[in-house]
């Protein structure tokens, strides 16, 4: 199994542990009927690389994460941020409402919280 797929599986498991989230979707097809509240995340194609001795020694994938909930005062974004503060790099992008659903968007570089798990498997 490639490293990126292992990261994604660990990320999926972490997101599914957030209380109050009905479903977690990874790059869902447009025709899928979503169940709310939910989290959608997509790989943005970039990796944050750390170097040592002029050589890359670890890469962390970057994902776009969207939390969708009908409640404008949802505490799911707070739970998400609390989970992400365990060694990841999070940037809040924006909050918008579409079809009476609130969307909180973030960019997340999954970091040291998962690196140990990935490299211990190799």
PDB file of N, CA and C in Angstrom:
ATOM      1  N   UNK A   1       0.848  -1.176   0.000  1.00  0.00           N
ATOM      2  CA  UNK A   1       0.000   0.000   0.000  1.00  0.00           C
ATOM      3  C   UNK A   1       0.892   1.238   0.000  1.00  0.00           C
ATOM      4  N   UNK A   2       0.566   2.197  -0.848  1.00  0.00           N
ATOM      5  CA  UNK A   2       1.416   3.380  -0.910  1.00  0.00           C
ATOM      6  C   UNK A   2       1.187   4.290   0.294  1.00  0.00           C
ATOM      7  N   UNK A   3       2.149   5.150   0.536  1.00  0.00           N
ATOM      8  CA  UNK A   3       2.141   6.024   1.709  1.00  0.00           C
ATOM      9  C   UNK A   3       0.946   6.978   1.705  1.00  0.00           C
ATOM     10  N   UNK A   4       0.601   7.542   0.553  1.00  0.00           N
ATOM     11  CA  UNK A   4      -0.508   8.476   0.471  1.00  0.00           C
ATOM     12  C   UNK A   4      -1.831   7.803   0.860  1.00  0.00           C
ATOM     13  N   UNK A   5      -2.018   6.568   0.423  1.00  0.00           N
ATOM     14  CA  UNK A   5      -3.244   5.843   0.770  1.00  0.00           C
ATOM     15  C   UNK A   5      -3.281   5.559   2.270  1.00  0.00           C
ATOM     16  N   UNK A   6      -2.141   5.244   2.883  1.00  0.00           N
ATOM     17  CA  UNK A   6      -2.113   5.017   4.335  1.00  0.00           C
ATOM     18  C   UNK A   6      -2.455   6.300   5.083  1.00  0.00           C
ATOM     19  N   UNK A   7      -1.934   7.426   4.626  1.00  0.00           N
ATOM     20  CA  UNK A   7      -2.295   8.712   5.231  1.00  0.00           C
ATOM     21  C   UNK A   7      -3.805   8.906   5.162  1.00  0.00           C
ATOM     22  N   UNK A   8      -4.373   8.684   3.990  1.00  0.00           N
ATOM     23  CA  UNK A   8      -5.800   8.914   3.807  1.00  0.00           C
ATOM     24  C   UNK A   8      -6.627   8.037   4.740  1.00  0.00           C
ATOM     25  N   UNK A   9      -6.245   6.789   4.906  1.00  0.00           N
ATOM     26  CA  UNK A   9      -6.988   5.900   5.800  1.00  0.00           C
ATOM     27  C   UNK A   9      -6.904   6.369   7.250  1.00  0.00           C
ATOM     28  N   UNK A  10      -5.736   6.835   7.676  1.00  0.00           N
ATOM     29  CA  UNK A  10      -5.597   7.364   9.035  1.00  0.00           C
ATOM     30  C   UNK A  10      -6.414   8.639   9.210  1.00  0.00           C
ATOM     31  N   UNK A  11      -6.400   9.490   8.197  1.00  0.00           N
ATOM     32  CA  UNK A  11      -7.177  10.725   8.244  1.00  0.00           C
ATOM     33  C   UNK A  11      -8.674  10.396   8.333  1.00  0.00           C
ATOM     34  N   UNK A  12      -9.112   9.467   7.512  1.00  0.00           N
ATOM     35  CA  UNK A  12     -10.524   9.055   7.528  1.00  0.00           C
ATOM     36  C   UNK A  12     -10.924   8.599   8.934  1.00  0.00           C
ATOM     37  N   UNK A  13     -10.092   7.770   9.548  1.00  0.00           N
ATOM     38  CA  UNK A  13     -10.391   7.273  10.896  1.00  0.00           C
ATOM     39  C   UNK A  13     -10.465   8.407  11.914  1.00  0.00           C
ATOM     40  N   UNK A  14      -9.550   9.358  11.825  1.00  0.00           N
ATOM     41  CA  UNK A  14      -9.571  10.489  12.757  1.00  0.00           C
ATOM     42  C   UNK A  14     -10.830  11.323  12.582  1.00  0.00           C
ATOM     43  N   UNK A  15     -11.199  11.610  11.343  1.00  0.00           N
ATOM     44  CA  UNK A  15     -12.382  12.434  11.092  1.00  0.00           C
ATOM     45  C   UNK A  15     -13.664  11.716  11.520  1.00  0.00           C
ATOM     46  N   UNK A  16     -13.718  10.408  11.342  1.00  0.00           N
ATOM     47  CA  UNK A  16     -14.905   9.650  11.741  1.00  0.00           C
ATOM     48  C   UNK A  16     -15.101   9.639  13.257  1.00  0.00           C
ATOM     49  N   UNK A  17     -14.043   9.919  14.005  1.00  0.00           N
ATOM     50  CA  UNK A  17     -14.138   9.945  15.469  1.00  0.00           C
ATOM     51  C   UNK A  17     -14.707  11.250  16.019  1.00  0.00           C
ATOM     52  N   UNK A  18     -14.949  12.237  15.172  1.00  0.00           N
ATOM     53  CA  UNK A  18     -15.491  13.507  15.642  1.00  0.00           C
ATOM     54  C   UNK A  18     -16.976  13.330  15.955  1.00  0.00           C
ATOM     55  N   UNK A  19     -17.327  13.568  17.200  1.00  0.00           N
ATOM     56  CA  UNK A  19     -18.702  13.399  17.658  1.00  0.00           C
ATOM     57  C   UNK A  19     -19.632  14.371  16.931  1.00  0.00           C
ATOM     58  N   UNK A  20     -20.787  13.852  16.515  1.00  0.00           N
ATOM     59  CA  UNK A  20     -21.799  14.680  15.875  1.00  0.00           C
ATOM     60  C   UNK A  20     -21.778  14.656  14.360  1.00  0.00           C
ATOM     61  N   UNK A  21     -20.762  14.040  13.777  1.00  0.00           N
ATOM     62  CA  UNK A  21     -20.650  13.982  12.319  1.00  0.00           C
ATOM     63  C   UNK A  21     -21.350  12.713  11.817  1.00  0.00           C
ATOM     64  N   UNK A  22     -22.338  12.898  10.926  1.00  0.00           N
ATOM     65  CA  UNK A  22     -23.090  11.758  10.404  1.00  0.00           C
ATOM     66  C   UNK A  22     -22.255  10.922   9.433  1.00  0.00           C
ATOM     67  N   UNK A  23     -21.484  11.603   8.579  1.00  0.00           N
ATOM     68  CA  UNK A  23     -20.687  10.908   7.558  1.00  0.00           C
ATOM     69  C   UNK A  23     -19.408  11.694   7.269  1.00  0.00           C
ATOM     70  N   UNK A  24     -18.395  10.950   6.814  1.00  0.00           N
ATOM     71  CA  UNK A  24     -17.150  11.543   6.329  1.00  0.00           C
ATOM     72  C   UNK A  24     -16.959  11.030   4.913  1.00  0.00           C
ATOM     73  N   UNK A  25     -16.770  11.950   3.974  1.00  0.00           N
ATOM     74  CA  UNK A  25     -16.650  11.591   2.565  1.00  0.00           C
ATOM     75  C   UNK A  25     -15.290  12.027   2.030  1.00  0.00           C
ATOM     76  N   UNK A  26     -14.651  11.127   1.285  1.00  0.00           N
ATOM     77  CA  UNK A  26     -13.406  11.469   0.598  1.00  0.00           C
ATOM     78  C   UNK A  26     -13.716  11.624  -0.888  1.00  0.00           C
ATOM     79  N   UNK A  27     -13.552  12.831  -1.401  1.00  0.00           N
ATOM     80  CA  UNK A  27     -13.782  13.144  -2.805  1.00  0.00           C
ATOM     81  C   UNK A  27     -15.049  12.464  -3.348  1.00  0.00           C
ATOM     82  N   UNK A  28     -16.212  12.780  -2.771  1.00  0.00           N
ATOM     83  CA  UNK A  28     -17.438  12.092  -3.204  1.00  0.00           C
ATOM     84  C   UNK A  28     -17.845  12.497  -4.616  1.00  0.00           C
ATOM     85  N   UNK A  29     -18.467  11.584  -5.349  1.00  0.00           N
ATOM     86  CA  UNK A  29     -18.970  11.943  -6.684  1.00  0.00           C
ATOM     87  C   UNK A  29     -20.113  12.950  -6.547  1.00  0.00           C
ATOM     88  N   UNK A  30     -20.310  13.757  -7.571  1.00  0.00           N
ATOM     89  CA  UNK A  30     -21.325  14.812  -7.528  1.00  0.00           C
ATOM     90  C   UNK A  30     -22.740  14.273  -7.364  1.00  0.00           C
ATOM     91  N   UNK A  31     -23.011  13.072  -7.834  1.00  0.00           N
ATOM     92  CA  UNK A  31     -24.372  12.528  -7.780  1.00  0.00           C
ATOM     93  C   UNK A  31     -24.688  11.843  -6.444  1.00  0.00           C
ATOM     94  N   UNK A  32     -23.741  11.790  -5.518  1.00  0.00           N
ATOM     95  CA  UNK A  32     -23.972  11.157  -4.223  1.00  0.00           C
ATOM     96  C   UNK A  32     -24.833  12.059  -3.341  1.00  0.00           C
ATOM     97  N   UNK A  33     -25.865  11.500  -2.737  1.00  0.00           N
ATOM     98  CA  UNK A  33     -26.716  12.260  -1.817  1.00  0.00           C
ATOM     99  C   UNK A  33     -26.043  12.235  -0.437  1.00  0.00           C
ATOM    100  N   UNK A  34     -25.626  13.403   0.022  1.00  0.00           N
ATOM    101  CA  UNK A  34     -24.892  13.512   1.282  1.00  0.00           C
ATOM    102  C   UNK A  34     -25.834  13.505   2.470  1.00  0.00           C
ATOM    103  N   UNK A  35     -25.348  12.971   3.592  1.00  0.00           N
ATOM    104  CA  UNK A  35     -26.083  13.012   4.858  1.00  0.00           C
ATOM    105  C   UNK A  35     -25.383  14.021   5.752  1.00  0.00           C
ATOM    106  N   UNK A  36     -26.172  14.919   6.343  1.00  0.00           N
ATOM    107  CA  UNK A  36     -25.617  16.017   7.130  1.00  0.00           C
ATOM    108  C   UNK A  36     -25.879  15.816   8.612  1.00  0.00           C
ATOM    109  N   UNK A  37     -25.048  16.353   9.470  1.00  0.00           N
ATOM    110  CA  UNK A  37     -23.805  17.082   9.199  1.00  0.00           C
ATOM    111  C   UNK A  37     -22.733  16.124   8.701  1.00  0.00           C
ATOM    112  N   UNK A  38     -21.843  16.650   7.878  1.00  0.00           N
ATOM    113  CA  UNK A  38     -20.809  15.795   7.305  1.00  0.00           C
ATOM    114  C   UNK A  38     -19.495  16.552   7.139  1.00  0.00           C
ATOM    115  N   UNK A  39     -18.467  15.786   6.841  1.00  0.00           N
ATOM    116  CA  UNK A  39     -17.160  16.331   6.496  1.00  0.00           C
ATOM    117  C   UNK A  39     -16.784  15.769   5.140  1.00  0.00           C
ATOM    118  N   UNK A  40     -16.364  16.660   4.248  1.00  0.00           N
ATOM    119  CA  UNK A  40     -15.857  16.261   2.939  1.00  0.00           C
ATOM    120  C   UNK A  40     -14.396  16.691   2.893  1.00  0.00           C
ATOM    121  N   UNK A  41     -13.534  15.782   2.475  1.00  0.00           N
ATOM    122  CA  UNK A  41     -12.137  16.175   2.315  1.00  0.00           C
ATOM    123  C   UNK A  41     -11.602  15.661   0.994  1.00  0.00           C
ATOM    124  N   UNK A  42     -10.702  16.450   0.414  1.00  0.00           N
ATOM    125  CA  UNK A  42     -10.115  16.127  -0.882  1.00  0.00           C
ATOM    126  C   UNK A  42      -8.615  16.381  -0.822  1.00  0.00           C
ATOM    127  N   UNK A  43      -7.871  15.543  -1.482  1.00  0.00           N
ATOM    128  CA  UNK A  43      -6.429  15.730  -1.581  1.00  0.00           C
ATOM    129  C   UNK A  43      -6.184  16.878  -2.548  1.00  0.00           C
ATOM    130  N   UNK A  44      -5.408  17.868  -2.127  1.00  0.00           N
ATOM    131  CA  UNK A  44      -5.216  19.027  -3.003  1.00  0.00           C
ATOM    132  C   UNK A  44      -4.010  18.890  -3.927  1.00  0.00           C
ATOM    133  N   UNK A  45      -3.358  17.753  -3.898  1.00  0.00           N
ATOM    134  CA  UNK A  45      -2.270  17.484  -4.831  1.00  0.00           C
ATOM    135  C   UNK A  45      -0.906  17.956  -4.388  1.00  0.00           C
ATOM    136  N   UNK A  46      -0.831  18.604  -3.227  1.00  0.00           N
ATOM    137  CA  UNK A  46       0.472  19.094  -2.784  1.00  0.00           C
ATOM    138  C   UNK A  46       0.944  18.338  -1.547  1.00  0.00           C
ATOM    139  N   UNK A  47       2.240  18.409  -1.335  1.00  0.00           N
ATOM    140  CA  UNK A  47       2.844  17.782  -0.159  1.00  0.00           C
ATOM    141  C   UNK A  47       3.839  18.759   0.446  1.00  0.00           C
ATOM    142  N   UNK A  48       3.822  18.855   1.750  1.00  0.00           N
ATOM    143  CA  UNK A  48       4.766  19.687   2.474  1.00  0.00           C
ATOM    144  C   UNK A  48       5.965  18.807   2.818  1.00  0.00           C
ATOM    145  N   UNK A  49       7.118  19.131   2.279  1.00  0.00           N
ATOM    146  CA  UNK A  49       8.304  18.301   2.464  1.00  0.00           C
ATOM    147  C   UNK A  49       9.255  18.941   3.454  1.00  0.00           C
ATOM    148  N   UNK A  50       9.730  18.139   4.400  1.00  0.00           N
ATOM    149  CA  UNK A  50      10.750  18.578   5.352  1.00  0.00           C
ATOM    150  C   UNK A  50      12.078  17.960   4.930  1.00  0.00           C
ATOM    151  N   UNK A  51      13.148  18.759   5.066  1.00  0.00           N
ATOM    152  CA  UNK A  51      14.461  18.332   4.617  1.00  0.00           C
ATOM    153  C   UNK A  51      15.426  18.231   5.795  1.00  0.00           C
ATOM    154  N   UNK A  52      16.378  17.361   5.661  1.00  0.00           N
ATOM    155  CA  UNK A  52      17.482  17.228   6.600  1.00  0.00           C
ATOM    156  C   UNK A  52      18.713  16.812   5.827  1.00  0.00           C
ATOM    157  N   UNK A  53      19.844  17.428   6.107  1.00  0.00           N
ATOM    158  CA  UNK A  53      21.091  17.145   5.363  1.00  0.00           C
ATOM    159  C   UNK A  53      20.876  17.306   3.865  1.00  0.00           C
ATOM    160  N   UNK A  54      20.097  18.320   3.490  1.00  0.00           N
ATOM    161  CA  UNK A  54      19.811  18.638   2.089  1.00  0.00           C
ATOM    162  C   UNK A  54      19.065  17.539   1.340  1.00  0.00           C
ATOM    163  N   UNK A  55      18.389  16.649   2.079  1.00  0.00           N
ATOM    164  CA  UNK A  55      17.613  15.586   1.454  1.00  0.00           C
ATOM    165  C   UNK A  55      16.216  15.572   2.072  1.00  0.00           C
ATOM    166  N   UNK A  56      15.208  15.262   1.259  1.00  0.00           N
ATOM    167  CA  UNK A  56      13.865  15.148   1.834  1.00  0.00           C
ATOM    168  C   UNK A  56      13.794  13.923   2.743  1.00  0.00           C
ATOM    169  N   UNK A  57      13.212  14.098   3.939  1.00  0.00           N
ATOM    170  CA  UNK A  57      13.082  12.937   4.811  1.00  0.00           C
ATOM    171  C   UNK A  57      11.643  12.643   5.218  1.00  0.00           C
ATOM    172  N   UNK A  58      10.738  13.570   5.000  1.00  0.00           N
ATOM    173  CA  UNK A  58       9.328  13.282   5.262  1.00  0.00           C
ATOM    174  C   UNK A  58       8.456  14.222   4.428  1.00  0.00           C
ATOM    175  N   UNK A  59       7.328  13.683   3.958  1.00  0.00           N
ATOM    176  CA  UNK A  59       6.363  14.483   3.217  1.00  0.00           C
ATOM    177  C   UNK A  59       5.014  14.361   3.911  1.00  0.00           C
ATOM    178  N   UNK A  60       4.337  15.494   4.070  1.00  0.00           N
ATOM    179  CA  UNK A  60       3.015  15.498   4.648  1.00  0.00           C
ATOM    180  C   UNK A  60       2.025  15.961   3.600  1.00  0.00           C
ATOM    181  N   UNK A  61       0.970  15.182   3.350  1.00  0.00           N
ATOM    182  CA  UNK A  61      -0.012  15.569   2.336  1.00  0.00           C
ATOM    183  C   UNK A  61      -0.914  16.703   2.822  1.00  0.00           C
ATOM    184  N   UNK A  62      -1.394  17.480   1.868  1.00  0.00           N
ATOM    185  CA  UNK A  62      -2.277  18.605   2.155  1.00  0.00           C
ATOM    186  C   UNK A  62      -3.681  18.291   1.622  1.00  0.00           C
ATOM    187  N   UNK A  63      -4.683  18.586   2.430  1.00  0.00           N
ATOM    188  CA  UNK A  63      -6.069  18.301   2.071  1.00  0.00           C
ATOM    189  C   UNK A  63      -6.936  19.532   2.281  1.00  0.00           C
ATOM    190  N   UNK A  64      -7.977  19.652   1.466  1.00  0.00           N
ATOM    191  CA  UNK A  64      -9.019  20.649   1.688  1.00  0.00           C
ATOM    192  C   UNK A  64     -10.143  19.943   2.432  1.00  0.00           C
ATOM    193  N   UNK A  65     -10.586  20.543   3.526  1.00  0.00           N
ATOM    194  CA  UNK A  65     -11.616  19.945   4.371  1.00  0.00           C
ATOM    195  C   UNK A  65     -12.789  20.909   4.467  1.00  0.00           C
ATOM    196  N   UNK A  66     -13.991  20.386   4.259  1.00  0.00           N
ATOM    197  CA  UNK A  66     -15.202  21.189   4.393  1.00  0.00           C
ATOM    198  C   UNK A  66     -16.138  20.504   5.369  1.00  0.00           C
ATOM    199  N   UNK A  67     -16.553  21.246   6.382  1.00  0.00           N
ATOM    200  CA  UNK A  67     -17.557  20.772   7.332  1.00  0.00           C
ATOM    201  C   UNK A  67     -18.877  21.396   6.918  1.00  0.00           C
ATOM    202  N   UNK A  68     -19.916  20.572   6.777  1.00  0.00           N
ATOM    203  CA  UNK A  68     -21.223  21.070   6.339  1.00  0.00           C
ATOM    204  C   UNK A  68     -22.252  20.712   7.399  1.00  0.00           C
ATOM    205  N   UNK A  69     -22.990  21.732   7.841  1.00  0.00           N
ATOM    206  CA  UNK A  69     -24.014  21.529   8.871  1.00  0.00           C
ATOM    207  C   UNK A  69     -25.104  22.574   8.687  1.00  0.00           C
ATOM    208  N   UNK A  70     -26.341  22.191   8.960  1.00  0.00           N
ATOM    209  CA  UNK A  70     -27.442  23.151   8.865  1.00  0.00           C
ATOM    210  C   UNK A  70     -27.450  24.126  10.036  1.00  0.00           C
ATOM    211  N   UNK A  71     -26.790  23.772  11.127  1.00  0.00           N
ATOM    212  CA  UNK A  71     -26.750  24.621  12.323  1.00  0.00           C
ATOM    213  C   UNK A  71     -25.637  25.661  12.182  1.00  0.00           C
ATOM    214  N   UNK A  72     -25.981  26.948  12.121  1.00  0.00           N
ATOM    215  CA  UNK A  72     -24.942  27.972  11.968  1.00  0.00           C
ATOM    216  C   UNK A  72     -24.049  28.109  13.211  1.00  0.00           C
ATOM    217  N   UNK A  73     -24.500  27.558  14.333  1.00  0.00           N
ATOM    218  CA  UNK A  73     -23.703  27.590  15.566  1.00  0.00           C
ATOM    219  C   UNK A  73     -23.186  26.204  15.922  1.00  0.00           C
ATOM    220  N   UNK A  74     -22.972  25.384  14.941  1.00  0.00           N
ATOM    221  CA  UNK A  74     -22.493  24.020  15.139  1.00  0.00           C
ATOM    222  C   UNK A  74     -21.180  24.010  15.925  1.00  0.00           C
ATOM    223  N   UNK A  75     -21.037  23.010  16.786  1.00  0.00           N
ATOM    224  CA  UNK A  75     -19.771  22.876  17.510  1.00  0.00           C
ATOM    225  C   UNK A  75     -18.834  21.872  16.829  1.00  0.00           C
ATOM    226  N   UNK A  76     -19.237  21.339  15.697  1.00  0.00           N
ATOM    227  CA  UNK A  76     -18.376  20.403  14.956  1.00  0.00           C
ATOM    228  C   UNK A  76     -17.078  21.082  14.508  1.00  0.00           C
ATOM    229  N   UNK A  77     -17.105  22.329  13.998  1.00  0.00           N
ATOM    230  CA  UNK A  77     -15.829  22.972  13.651  1.00  0.00           C
ATOM    231  C   UNK A  77     -14.877  23.088  14.851  1.00  0.00           C
ATOM    232  N   UNK A  78     -15.423  23.357  16.037  1.00  0.00           N
ATOM    233  CA  UNK A  78     -14.567  23.421  17.230  1.00  0.00           C
ATOM    234  C   UNK A  78     -13.959  22.069  17.560  1.00  0.00           C
ATOM    235  N   UNK A  79     -14.757  21.013  17.451  1.00  0.00           N
ATOM    236  CA  UNK A  79     -14.227  19.660  17.694  1.00  0.00           C
ATOM    237  C   UNK A  79     -13.159  19.289  16.669  1.00  0.00           C
ATOM    238  N   UNK A  80     -13.415  19.677  15.421  1.00  0.00           N
ATOM    239  CA  UNK A  80     -12.446  19.430  14.358  1.00  0.00           C
ATOM    240  C   UNK A  80     -11.128  20.135  14.665  1.00  0.00           C
ATOM    241  N   UNK A  81     -11.190  21.421  15.030  1.00  0.00           N
ATOM    242  CA  UNK A  81      -9.967  22.177  15.319  1.00  0.00           C
ATOM    243  C   UNK A  81      -9.222  21.612  16.528  1.00  0.00           C
ATOM    244  N   UNK A  82      -9.961  21.163  17.521  1.00  0.00           N
ATOM    245  CA  UNK A  82      -9.317  20.557  18.691  1.00  0.00           C
ATOM    246  C   UNK A  82      -8.537  19.303  18.279  1.00  0.00           C
ATOM    247  N   UNK A  83      -9.132  18.494  17.432  1.00  0.00           N
ATOM    248  CA  UNK A  83      -8.460  17.295  16.933  1.00  0.00           C
ATOM    249  C   UNK A  83      -7.239  17.662  16.087  1.00  0.00           C
ATOM    250  N   UNK A  84      -7.366  18.685  15.262  1.00  0.00           N
ATOM    251  CA  UNK A  84      -6.292  19.072  14.357  1.00  0.00           C
ATOM    252  C   UNK A  84      -5.100  19.687  15.083  1.00  0.00           C
ATOM    253  N   UNK A  85      -5.288  20.199  16.255  1.00  0.00           N
ATOM    254  CA  UNK A  85      -4.185  20.833  16.985  1.00  0.00           C
ATOM    255  C   UNK A  85      -3.175  19.820  17.505  1.00  0.00           C
ATOM    256  N   UNK A  86      -3.384  18.554  17.258  1.00  0.00           N
ATOM    257  CA  UNK A  86      -2.452  17.518  17.709  1.00  0.00           C
ATOM    258  C   UNK A  86      -1.377  17.256  16.659  1.00  0.00           C
ATOM    259  N   UNK A  87      -0.652  18.286  16.282  1.00  0.00           N
ATOM    260  CA  UNK A  87       0.482  18.096  15.388  1.00  0.00           C
ATOM    261  C   UNK A  87       0.209  18.325  13.917  1.00  0.00           C
ATOM    262  N   UNK A  88      -0.912  18.924  13.588  1.00  0.00           N
ATOM    263  CA  UNK A  88      -1.228  19.219  12.197  1.00  0.00           C
ATOM    264  C   UNK A  88      -1.216  20.727  11.986  1.00  0.00           C
ATOM    265  N   UNK A  89      -1.200  21.131  10.741  1.00  0.00           N
ATOM    266  CA  UNK A  89      -1.172  22.543  10.387  1.00  0.00           C
ATOM    267  C   UNK A  89      -2.486  22.888   9.702  1.00  0.00           C
ATOM    268  N   UNK A  90      -3.276  23.775  10.316  1.00  0.00           N
ATOM    269  CA  UNK A  90      -4.615  24.077   9.838  1.00  0.00           C
ATOM    270  C   UNK A  90      -4.735  25.557   9.504  1.00  0.00           C
ATOM    271  N   UNK A  91      -5.336  25.844   8.356  1.00  0.00           N
ATOM    272  CA  UNK A  91      -5.638  27.213   7.966  1.00  0.00           C
ATOM    273  C   UNK A  91      -7.129  27.297   7.680  1.00  0.00           C
ATOM    274  N   UNK A  92      -7.823  28.190   8.396  1.00  0.00           N
ATOM    275  CA  UNK A  92      -9.241  28.422   8.108  1.00  0.00           C
ATOM    276  C   UNK A  92      -9.318  29.209   6.808  1.00  0.00           C
ATOM    277  N   UNK A  93     -10.123  28.740   5.874  1.00  0.00           N
ATOM    278  CA  UNK A  93     -10.256  29.414   4.584  1.00  0.00           C
ATOM    279  C   UNK A  93     -11.448  30.374   4.586  1.00  0.00           C
ATOM    280  N   UNK A  94     -12.650  29.840   4.827  1.00  0.00           N
ATOM    281  CA  UNK A  94     -13.826  30.714   4.838  1.00  0.00           C
ATOM    282  C   UNK A  94     -15.054  29.959   5.317  1.00  0.00           C
ATOM    283  N   UNK A  95     -16.088  30.735   5.638  1.00  0.00           N
ATOM    284  CA  UNK A  95     -17.397  30.211   6.001  1.00  0.00           C
ATOM    285  C   UNK A  95     -18.398  30.776   5.000  1.00  0.00           C
ATOM    286  N   UNK A  96     -19.229  29.912   4.429  1.00  0.00           N
ATOM    287  CA  UNK A  96     -20.277  30.387   3.531  1.00  0.00           C
ATOM    288  C   UNK A  96     -21.517  29.514   3.692  1.00  0.00           C
ATOM    289  N   UNK A  97     -22.642  30.056   3.263  1.00  0.00           N
ATOM    290  CA  UNK A  97     -23.916  29.332   3.332  1.00  0.00           C
ATOM    291  C   UNK A  97     -24.429  29.113   1.917  1.00  0.00           C
ATOM    292  N   UNK A  98     -24.855  27.892   1.649  1.00  0.00           N
ATOM    293  CA  UNK A  98     -25.391  27.522   0.337  1.00  0.00           C
ATOM    294  C   UNK A  98     -26.543  26.556   0.571  1.00  0.00           C
ATOM    295  N   UNK A  99     -27.705  26.839   0.024  1.00  0.00           N
ATOM    296  CA  UNK A  99     -28.893  25.992   0.192  1.00  0.00           C
ATOM    297  C   UNK A  99     -29.216  25.737   1.667  1.00  0.00           C
ATOM    298  N   UNK A 100     -29.104  26.771   2.484  1.00  0.00           N
ATOM    299  CA  UNK A 100     -29.379  26.691   3.922  1.00  0.00           C
ATOM    300  C   UNK A 100     -28.435  25.745   4.672  1.00  0.00           C
ATOM    301  N   UNK A 101     -27.290  25.479   4.095  1.00  0.00           N
ATOM    302  CA  UNK A 101     -26.270  24.672   4.761  1.00  0.00           C
ATOM    303  C   UNK A 101     -25.016  25.524   4.935  1.00  0.00           C
ATOM    304  N   UNK A 102     -24.439  25.481   6.116  1.00  0.00           N
ATOM    305  CA  UNK A 102     -23.236  26.242   6.432  1.00  0.00           C
ATOM    306  C   UNK A 102     -22.009  25.403   6.105  1.00  0.00           C
ATOM    307  N   UNK A 103     -21.042  26.015   5.445  1.00  0.00           N
ATOM    308  CA  UNK A 103     -19.823  25.338   5.014  1.00  0.00           C
ATOM    309  C   UNK A 103     -18.606  26.034   5.631  1.00  0.00           C
ATOM    310  N   UNK A 104     -17.878  25.317   6.458  1.00  0.00           N
ATOM    311  CA  UNK A 104     -16.608  25.813   7.011  1.00  0.00           C
ATOM    312  C   UNK A 104     -15.504  25.126   6.235  1.00  0.00           C
ATOM    313  N   UNK A 105     -14.618  25.885   5.614  1.00  0.00           N
ATOM    314  CA  UNK A 105     -13.568  25.273   4.805  1.00  0.00           C
ATOM    315  C   UNK A 105     -12.195  25.546   5.417  1.00  0.00           C
ATOM    316  N   UNK A 106     -11.351  24.521   5.343  1.00  0.00           N
ATOM    317  CA  UNK A 106     -10.012  24.561   5.918  1.00  0.00           C
ATOM    318  C   UNK A 106      -9.023  23.925   4.950  1.00  0.00           C
ATOM    319  N   UNK A 107      -7.776  24.310   5.077  1.00  0.00           N
ATOM    320  CA  UNK A 107      -6.677  23.596   4.435  1.00  0.00           C
ATOM    321  C   UNK A 107      -5.891  22.961   5.569  1.00  0.00           C
ATOM    322  N   UNK A 108      -5.631  21.668   5.448  1.00  0.00           N
ATOM    323  CA  UNK A 108      -4.936  20.936   6.508  1.00  0.00           C
ATOM    324  C   UNK A 108      -3.743  20.207   5.928  1.00  0.00           C
ATOM    325  N   UNK A 109      -2.591  20.414   6.559  1.00  0.00           N
ATOM    326  CA  UNK A 109      -1.411  19.601   6.275  1.00  0.00           C
ATOM    327  C   UNK A 109      -1.290  18.648   7.445  1.00  0.00           C
ATOM    328  N   UNK A 110      -1.570  17.372   7.181  1.00  0.00           N
ATOM    329  CA  UNK A 110      -1.491  16.393   8.258  1.00  0.00           C
ATOM    330  C   UNK A 110      -0.027  16.196   8.582  1.00  0.00           C
ATOM    331  N   UNK A 111       0.324  16.410   9.822  1.00  0.00           N
ATOM    332  CA  UNK A 111       1.735  16.418  10.221  1.00  0.00           C
ATOM    333  C   UNK A 111       2.125  15.316  11.160  1.00  0.00           C
ATOM    334  N   UNK A 112       2.851  15.707  12.188  1.00  0.00           N
ATOM    335  CA  UNK A 112       3.501  14.737  13.056  1.00  0.00           C
ATOM    336  C   UNK A 112       2.542  13.808  13.776  1.00  0.00           C
ATOM    337  N   UNK A 113       1.265  14.158  13.861  1.00  0.00           N
ATOM    338  CA  UNK A 113       0.320  13.258  14.487  1.00  0.00           C
ATOM    339  C   UNK A 113       0.222  11.927  13.765  1.00  0.00           C
ATOM    340  N   UNK A 114       0.517  11.913  12.474  1.00  0.00           N
ATOM    341  CA  UNK A 114       0.430  10.680  11.690  1.00  0.00           C
ATOM    342  C   UNK A 114       1.790  10.150  11.257  1.00  0.00           C
ATOM    343  N   UNK A 115       2.786  10.992  11.237  1.00  0.00           N
ATOM    344  CA  UNK A 115       4.087  10.569  10.700  1.00  0.00           C
ATOM    345  C   UNK A 115       4.623   9.345  11.431  1.00  0.00           C
ATOM    346  N   UNK A 116       4.539   9.353  12.738  1.00  0.00           N
ATOM    347  CA  UNK A 116       5.048   8.226  13.513  1.00  0.00           C
ATOM    348  C   UNK A 116       4.355   6.940  13.077  1.00  0.00           C
ATOM    349  N   UNK A 117       3.021   6.982  12.955  1.00  0.00           N
ATOM    350  CA  UNK A 117       2.270   5.802  12.556  1.00  0.00           C
ATOM    351  C   UNK A 117       2.699   5.298  11.180  1.00  0.00           C
ATOM    352  N   UNK A 118       2.873   6.199  10.219  1.00  0.00           N
ATOM    353  CA  UNK A 118       3.217   5.806   8.858  1.00  0.00           C
ATOM    354  C   UNK A 118       4.603   5.177   8.813  1.00  0.00           C
ATOM    355  N   UNK A 119       5.568   5.813   9.457  1.00  0.00           N
ATOM    356  CA  UNK A 119       6.939   5.332   9.334  1.00  0.00           C
ATOM    357  C   UNK A 119       7.218   4.096  10.183  1.00  0.00           C
ATOM    358  N   UNK A 120       6.428   3.858  11.223  1.00  0.00           N
ATOM    359  CA  UNK A 120       6.605   2.640  12.002  1.00  0.00           C
ATOM    360  C   UNK A 120       6.180   1.412  11.221  1.00  0.00           C
ATOM    361  N   UNK A 121       5.284   1.604  10.242  1.00  0.00           N
ATOM    362  CA  UNK A 121       4.794   0.475   9.450  1.00  0.00           C
ATOM    363  C   UNK A 121       5.804   0.011   8.421  1.00  0.00           C
ATOM    364  N   UNK A 122       6.765   0.846   8.064  1.00  0.00           N
ATOM    365  CA  UNK A 122       7.690   0.502   6.985  1.00  0.00           C
ATOM    366  C   UNK A 122       8.857  -0.311   7.482  1.00  0.00           C
TER     367      UNK A 122
END
